[in-house]
Amino acid sequence: MFVVSAAEAAAIRTIFRQQGEFAAAAEPRLLFPGITDAEQARECARTIAGWRPLPRRLHPTRVRAGKN
């Protein structure tokens, strides 16, 4: 397990879109030395490239008690 920052994820997505999967697979291997298998690096790159931003968080509203 590892943590990917927003900047790292953006870099991987950009490389994936511009140069393809094989080029993007090199980035996780550079950032995370524990990834030694090329197939695992490709899977990580595909997963990160497929991430979408989280939906905007809704602000909670207060419910007023009505008069009965």
N, C-alpha and C. Protein backbone atom coordinates (compact mmCIF):
# COMPACT_ATOMS: atom_id res chain seq x y z
N MET A 1 0.84 -1.16 0.00
CA MET A 1 0.00 0.00 0.00
C MET A 1 0.89 1.23 0.00
N PHE A 2 0.46 2.26 -0.70
CA PHE A 2 1.21 3.50 -0.74
C PHE A 2 0.24 4.65 -0.96
N VAL A 3 0.71 5.86 -0.69
CA VAL A 3 -0.11 7.06 -0.82
C VAL A 3 0.40 7.86 -2.01
N VAL A 4 -0.52 8.31 -2.83
CA VAL A 4 -0.19 9.11 -4.00
C VAL A 4 -0.74 10.52 -3.77
N SER A 5 0.12 11.51 -3.89
CA SER A 5 -0.35 12.90 -3.73
C SER A 5 -1.10 13.33 -4.99
N ALA A 6 -1.81 14.42 -4.87
CA ALA A 6 -2.57 14.94 -6.01
C ALA A 6 -1.63 15.31 -7.16
N ALA A 7 -0.46 15.85 -6.83
CA ALA A 7 0.50 16.24 -7.87
C ALA A 7 1.07 15.00 -8.58
N GLU A 8 1.36 13.96 -7.82
CA GLU A 8 1.88 12.73 -8.41
C GLU A 8 0.83 12.07 -9.31
N ALA A 9 -0.41 12.06 -8.84
CA ALA A 9 -1.49 11.48 -9.63
C ALA A 9 -1.70 12.27 -10.92
N ALA A 10 -1.64 13.59 -10.83
CA ALA A 10 -1.79 14.42 -12.02
C ALA A 10 -0.67 14.16 -13.02
N ALA A 11 0.55 13.99 -12.52
CA ALA A 11 1.67 13.71 -13.41
C ALA A 11 1.49 12.36 -14.12
N ILE A 12 1.04 11.36 -13.38
CA ILE A 12 0.82 10.04 -13.97
C ILE A 12 -0.30 10.09 -15.00
N ARG A 13 -1.39 10.81 -14.69
CA ARG A 13 -2.49 10.93 -15.65
C ARG A 13 -2.05 11.64 -16.92
N THR A 14 -1.25 12.70 -16.76
CA THR A 14 -0.77 13.44 -17.92
C THR A 14 0.11 12.57 -18.81
N ILE A 15 1.04 11.85 -18.21
CA ILE A 15 1.91 10.96 -18.98
C ILE A 15 1.09 9.87 -19.66
N PHE A 16 0.11 9.33 -18.94
CA PHE A 16 -0.75 8.27 -19.49
C PHE A 16 -1.47 8.78 -20.74
N ARG A 17 -2.03 9.98 -20.67
CA ARG A 17 -2.79 10.54 -21.80
C ARG A 17 -1.88 10.90 -22.97
N GLN A 18 -0.72 11.47 -22.69
CA GLN A 18 0.15 11.97 -23.75
C GLN A 18 1.03 10.89 -24.37
N GLN A 19 1.54 9.97 -23.55
CA GLN A 19 2.53 9.03 -24.05
C GLN A 19 2.10 7.57 -23.97
N GLY A 20 1.02 7.29 -23.25
CA GLY A 20 0.51 5.93 -23.19
C GLY A 20 0.84 5.21 -21.90
N GLU A 21 0.35 3.97 -21.85
CA GLU A 21 0.43 3.16 -20.63
C GLU A 21 1.86 2.78 -20.25
N PHE A 22 2.65 2.40 -21.23
CA PHE A 22 4.02 1.95 -20.92
C PHE A 22 4.87 3.08 -20.34
N ALA A 23 4.72 4.28 -20.88
CA ALA A 23 5.47 5.42 -20.34
C ALA A 23 4.98 5.78 -18.95
N ALA A 24 3.66 5.70 -18.74
CA ALA A 24 3.10 6.03 -17.44
C ALA A 24 3.49 5.00 -16.39
N ALA A 25 3.76 3.77 -16.80
CA ALA A 25 4.14 2.73 -15.84
C ALA A 25 5.51 3.00 -15.23
N ALA A 26 6.33 3.76 -15.89
CA ALA A 26 7.65 4.07 -15.35
C ALA A 26 7.56 5.01 -14.15
N GLU A 27 6.55 5.86 -14.15
CA GLU A 27 6.42 6.86 -13.08
C GLU A 27 6.19 6.23 -11.70
N PRO A 28 5.25 5.29 -11.54
CA PRO A 28 5.10 4.67 -10.22
C PRO A 28 6.37 3.95 -9.76
N ARG A 29 7.09 3.38 -10.70
CA ARG A 29 8.32 2.67 -10.33
C ARG A 29 9.39 3.65 -9.85
N LEU A 30 9.38 4.87 -10.39
CA LEU A 30 10.33 5.89 -9.93
C LEU A 30 9.92 6.44 -8.56
N LEU A 31 8.62 6.65 -8.39
CA LEU A 31 8.13 7.25 -7.14
C LEU A 31 8.13 6.27 -5.98
N PHE A 32 7.88 5.00 -6.27
CA PHE A 32 7.74 3.99 -5.23
C PHE A 32 8.68 2.82 -5.51
N PRO A 33 9.85 2.80 -4.88
CA PRO A 33 10.83 1.74 -5.15
C PRO A 33 10.32 0.33 -4.84
N GLY A 34 9.28 0.20 -4.06
CA GLY A 34 8.74 -1.11 -3.73
C GLY A 34 8.04 -1.79 -4.89
N ILE A 35 7.69 -1.01 -5.91
CA ILE A 35 7.06 -1.58 -7.10
C ILE A 35 8.18 -2.00 -8.04
N THR A 36 8.43 -3.28 -8.11
CA THR A 36 9.53 -3.78 -8.93
C THR A 36 9.04 -4.51 -10.17
N ASP A 37 7.81 -4.95 -10.18
CA ASP A 37 7.25 -5.71 -11.29
C ASP A 37 6.64 -4.74 -12.31
N ALA A 38 6.98 -4.90 -13.58
CA ALA A 38 6.47 -4.02 -14.63
C ALA A 38 4.95 -4.14 -14.76
N GLU A 39 4.42 -5.34 -14.63
CA GLU A 39 2.97 -5.53 -14.74
C GLU A 39 2.24 -4.83 -13.59
N GLN A 40 2.80 -4.89 -12.40
CA GLN A 40 2.20 -4.20 -11.25
C GLN A 40 2.25 -2.69 -11.47
N ALA A 41 3.34 -2.18 -12.02
CA ALA A 41 3.47 -0.75 -12.30
C ALA A 41 2.45 -0.31 -13.34
N ARG A 42 2.22 -1.13 -14.37
CA ARG A 42 1.22 -0.81 -15.39
C ARG A 42 -0.17 -0.79 -14.77
N GLU A 43 -0.45 -1.74 -13.89
CA GLU A 43 -1.76 -1.78 -13.22
C GLU A 43 -1.97 -0.53 -12.36
N CYS A 44 -0.94 -0.14 -11.63
CA CYS A 44 -1.03 1.07 -10.80
C CYS A 44 -1.25 2.30 -11.67
N ALA A 45 -0.54 2.40 -12.79
CA ALA A 45 -0.69 3.55 -13.69
C ALA A 45 -2.10 3.59 -14.27
N ARG A 46 -2.64 2.44 -14.68
CA ARG A 46 -4.01 2.40 -15.21
C ARG A 46 -5.02 2.82 -14.15
N THR A 47 -4.83 2.34 -12.93
CA THR A 47 -5.75 2.67 -11.84
C THR A 47 -5.72 4.16 -11.55
N ILE A 48 -4.53 4.72 -11.42
CA ILE A 48 -4.40 6.14 -11.10
C ILE A 48 -4.92 7.00 -12.25
N ALA A 49 -4.67 6.59 -13.49
CA ALA A 49 -5.15 7.36 -14.64
C ALA A 49 -6.67 7.36 -14.71
N GLY A 50 -7.32 6.34 -14.16
CA GLY A 50 -8.77 6.26 -14.19
C GLY A 50 -9.47 6.99 -13.06
N TRP A 51 -8.71 7.51 -12.10
CA TRP A 51 -9.32 8.23 -10.99
C TRP A 51 -10.03 9.47 -11.47
N ARG A 52 -11.14 9.76 -10.83
CA ARG A 52 -11.89 10.99 -11.09
C ARG A 52 -11.93 11.80 -9.81
N PRO A 53 -12.05 13.12 -9.92
CA PRO A 53 -12.14 13.93 -8.70
C PRO A 53 -13.37 13.56 -7.89
N LEU A 54 -13.26 13.70 -6.58
CA LEU A 54 -14.39 13.44 -5.71
C LEU A 54 -15.48 14.48 -5.96
N PRO A 55 -16.74 14.12 -5.81
CA PRO A 55 -17.80 15.10 -5.98
C PRO A 55 -17.70 16.18 -4.91
N ARG A 56 -18.23 17.33 -5.24
CA ARG A 56 -18.18 18.44 -4.31
C ARG A 56 -18.97 18.08 -3.06
N ARG A 57 -18.40 18.40 -1.92
CA ARG A 57 -19.04 18.07 -0.65
C ARG A 57 -20.20 19.02 -0.40
N LEU A 58 -21.32 18.47 -0.06
CA LEU A 58 -22.48 19.28 0.25
C LEU A 58 -22.39 19.76 1.69
N HIS A 59 -22.84 20.98 1.90
CA HIS A 59 -22.83 21.54 3.25
C HIS A 59 -24.09 21.08 3.98
N PRO A 60 -23.94 20.66 5.20
CA PRO A 60 -25.13 20.21 5.94
C PRO A 60 -26.07 21.39 6.21
N THR A 61 -27.34 21.12 6.18
CA THR A 61 -28.33 22.15 6.49
C THR A 61 -28.97 21.83 7.83
N ARG A 62 -29.39 22.85 8.49
CA ARG A 62 -30.03 22.66 9.78
C ARG A 62 -31.53 22.51 9.57
N VAL A 63 -32.06 21.58 10.27
CA VAL A 63 -33.50 21.34 10.18
C VAL A 63 -34.15 22.04 11.36
N ARG A 64 -35.11 22.88 11.06
CA ARG A 64 -35.80 23.60 12.12
C ARG A 64 -37.03 22.80 12.54
N ALA A 65 -37.20 22.77 13.83
CA ALA A 65 -38.38 22.09 14.35
C ALA A 65 -39.60 22.98 14.12
N GLY A 66 -40.59 22.42 13.46
CA GLY A 66 -41.82 23.18 13.17
C GLY A 66 -42.75 23.22 14.37
N LYS A 67 -43.64 24.15 14.34
CA LYS A 67 -44.65 24.24 15.41
C LYS A 67 -45.73 23.22 15.14
N ASN A 68 -46.08 22.46 16.11
CA ASN A 68 -47.11 21.42 15.95
C ASN A 68 -48.41 21.90 16.49
